[in-house]
Amino acid sequence: MAQNIGALLKEKRLDLGLSLDDASCAIKVRAKYLKLLEDDINEKETPPTVYMLGYLKLYANFLGLDGKQIIDQIYVFTKEEYPSMNDTHHVKSDPSAKIILISLFSLILLLILWSSNIF
């Protein structure tokens, strides 16, 4: 995470007199994730990055900060690009699933034809 963003979040929350549980209840994000945003993030304990960025933006906006600007700072700091909505992650299809589906469709078709005495 970009330097000082976690400290900024924590300082703003404390200035507002809110506990982590208060913020958690208000924005419906687990307190442990908000704490991770304020402290050093341990990747083993965090949900996928897209969720953490969403939580960060939501939390920052809730605290009266500009969530989009904070997300922009992270991308500038890490020199990463925003994930594209056009990026598609193709899941390898299982050929056996296609075979089963075609077989099932064929069986149903045969049953319909058989029951109508076409065969």
Protein backbone atom coordinates (compact mmCIF):
# COMPACT_ATOMS: atom_id res chain seq x y z
CA MET A 1 0.00 0.00 0.00
CA ALA A 2 1.20 3.52 -0.67
CA GLN A 3 3.01 5.15 2.21
CA ASN A 4 0.93 6.77 4.93
CA ILE A 5 -2.51 5.84 3.55
CA GLY A 6 -3.10 3.39 6.38
CA ALA A 7 -1.98 5.97 8.94
CA LEU A 8 -4.23 8.57 7.30
CA LEU A 9 -7.24 6.25 7.53
CA LYS A 10 -6.56 5.44 11.17
CA GLU A 11 -5.96 9.09 12.10
CA LYS A 12 -9.19 10.19 10.38
CA ARG A 13 -11.19 7.41 12.06
CA LEU A 14 -9.82 8.35 15.48
CA ASP A 15 -10.50 12.07 14.81
CA LEU A 16 -14.12 11.12 14.15
CA GLY A 17 -14.19 9.19 17.43
CA LEU A 18 -15.00 5.89 15.76
CA SER A 19 -13.84 2.43 16.65
CA LEU A 20 -13.04 -0.17 14.01
CA ASP A 21 -16.28 -1.92 14.98
CA ASP A 22 -18.26 1.30 14.48
CA ALA A 23 -16.83 1.75 10.99
CA SER A 24 -17.26 -1.94 10.23
CA CYS A 25 -20.96 -1.87 11.12
CA ALA A 26 -21.53 1.34 9.16
CA ILE A 27 -20.00 0.16 5.88
CA LYS A 28 -20.59 -3.60 6.24
CA VAL A 29 -16.91 -4.59 5.92
CA ARG A 30 -15.29 -6.84 8.50
CA ALA A 31 -13.26 -4.99 11.12
CA LYS A 32 -10.26 -7.24 10.47
CA TYR A 33 -10.11 -5.99 6.85
CA LEU A 34 -10.34 -2.37 7.97
CA LYS A 35 -7.50 -3.02 10.41
CA LEU A 36 -5.46 -4.54 7.60
CA LEU A 37 -6.03 -1.37 5.58
CA GLU A 38 -4.80 0.75 8.48
CA ASP A 39 -1.83 -1.50 9.31
CA ASP A 40 0.61 -3.48 7.25
CA ILE A 41 -1.31 -5.80 4.95
CA ASN A 42 -0.45 -9.47 5.24
CA GLU A 43 -1.36 -10.96 1.87
CA LYS A 44 -2.18 -14.37 3.37
CA GLU A 45 -5.03 -12.83 5.34
CA THR A 46 -6.50 -10.53 2.73
CA PRO A 47 -9.16 -11.19 0.16
CA PRO A 48 -8.21 -10.69 -3.49
CA THR A 49 -6.84 -7.26 -4.36
CA VAL A 50 -9.98 -6.06 -6.14
CA TYR A 51 -11.93 -6.54 -2.90
CA MET A 52 -9.35 -4.73 -0.82
CA LEU A 53 -9.35 -1.80 -3.25
CA GLY A 54 -13.13 -1.69 -3.02
CA TYR A 55 -12.98 -1.80 0.77
CA LEU A 56 -10.33 0.92 0.75
CA LYS A 57 -12.40 3.24 -1.43
CA LEU A 58 -15.55 2.59 0.61
CA TYR A 59 -13.73 3.11 3.91
CA ALA A 60 -12.01 6.30 2.74
CA ASN A 61 -15.28 7.77 1.46
CA PHE A 62 -17.00 6.85 4.74
CA LEU A 63 -14.29 8.73 6.64
CA GLY A 64 -14.81 11.80 4.46
CA LEU A 65 -11.73 11.27 2.32
CA ASP A 66 -11.63 11.00 -1.46
CA GLY A 67 -11.59 7.24 -2.06
CA LYS A 68 -10.87 7.57 -5.78
CA GLN A 69 -7.89 9.83 -5.12
CA ILE A 70 -6.48 7.32 -2.63
CA ILE A 71 -6.87 4.47 -5.13
CA ASP A 72 -5.14 6.66 -7.74
CA GLN A 73 -2.26 7.23 -5.30
CA ILE A 74 -1.85 3.48 -4.88
CA TYR A 75 -1.68 2.91 -8.63
CA VAL A 76 0.84 5.75 -9.04
CA PHE A 77 2.91 4.42 -6.14
CA THR A 78 2.92 0.81 -7.37
CA LYS A 79 3.14 1.80 -11.05
CA GLU A 80 0.41 -0.68 -11.87
CA GLU A 81 -2.41 -0.10 -14.30
CA TYR A 82 -6.06 -0.19 -13.44
CA PRO A 83 -7.64 -3.54 -14.16
CA SER A 84 -9.52 -3.31 -17.44
CA MET A 85 -13.17 -4.23 -17.65
CA ASN A 86 -12.31 -5.80 -21.02
CA ASP A 87 -9.75 -8.17 -19.53
CA THR A 88 -11.24 -11.59 -19.74
CA HIS A 89 -9.90 -14.54 -17.94
CA HIS A 90 -10.81 -17.53 -19.96
CA VAL A 91 -11.64 -20.58 -17.96
CA LYS A 92 -10.61 -23.77 -19.64
CA SER A 93 -13.73 -25.66 -20.48
CA ASP A 94 -13.89 -29.30 -19.63
CA PRO A 95 -14.50 -31.27 -22.85
CA SER A 96 -16.18 -34.05 -20.89
CA ALA A 97 -18.85 -31.57 -19.74
CA LYS A 98 -19.65 -30.77 -23.38
CA ILE A 99 -19.86 -34.46 -24.22
CA ILE A 100 -22.20 -35.10 -21.30
CA LEU A 101 -24.39 -32.14 -22.27
CA ILE A 102 -24.62 -33.24 -25.92
CA SER A 103 -25.34 -36.82 -24.87
CA LEU A 104 -28.06 -35.70 -22.48
CA PHE A 105 -29.65 -33.49 -25.14
CA SER A 106 -29.53 -36.38 -27.65
CA LEU A 107 -31.10 -38.77 -25.15
CA ILE A 108 -33.93 -36.34 -24.42
CA LEU A 109 -34.51 -35.82 -28.12
CA LEU A 110 -34.61 -39.59 -28.70
CA LEU A 111 -37.07 -40.06 -25.85
CA ILE A 112 -39.35 -37.37 -27.26
CA LEU A 113 -39.22 -38.90 -30.73
CA TRP A 114 -39.73 -42.42 -29.35
CA SER A 115 -42.70 -41.37 -27.21
CA SER A 116 -44.38 -39.73 -30.21
CA ASN A 117 -43.97 -42.98 -32.18
CA ILE A 118 -41.79 -41.43 -34.86
CA PHE A 119 -39.31 -44.31 -34.55
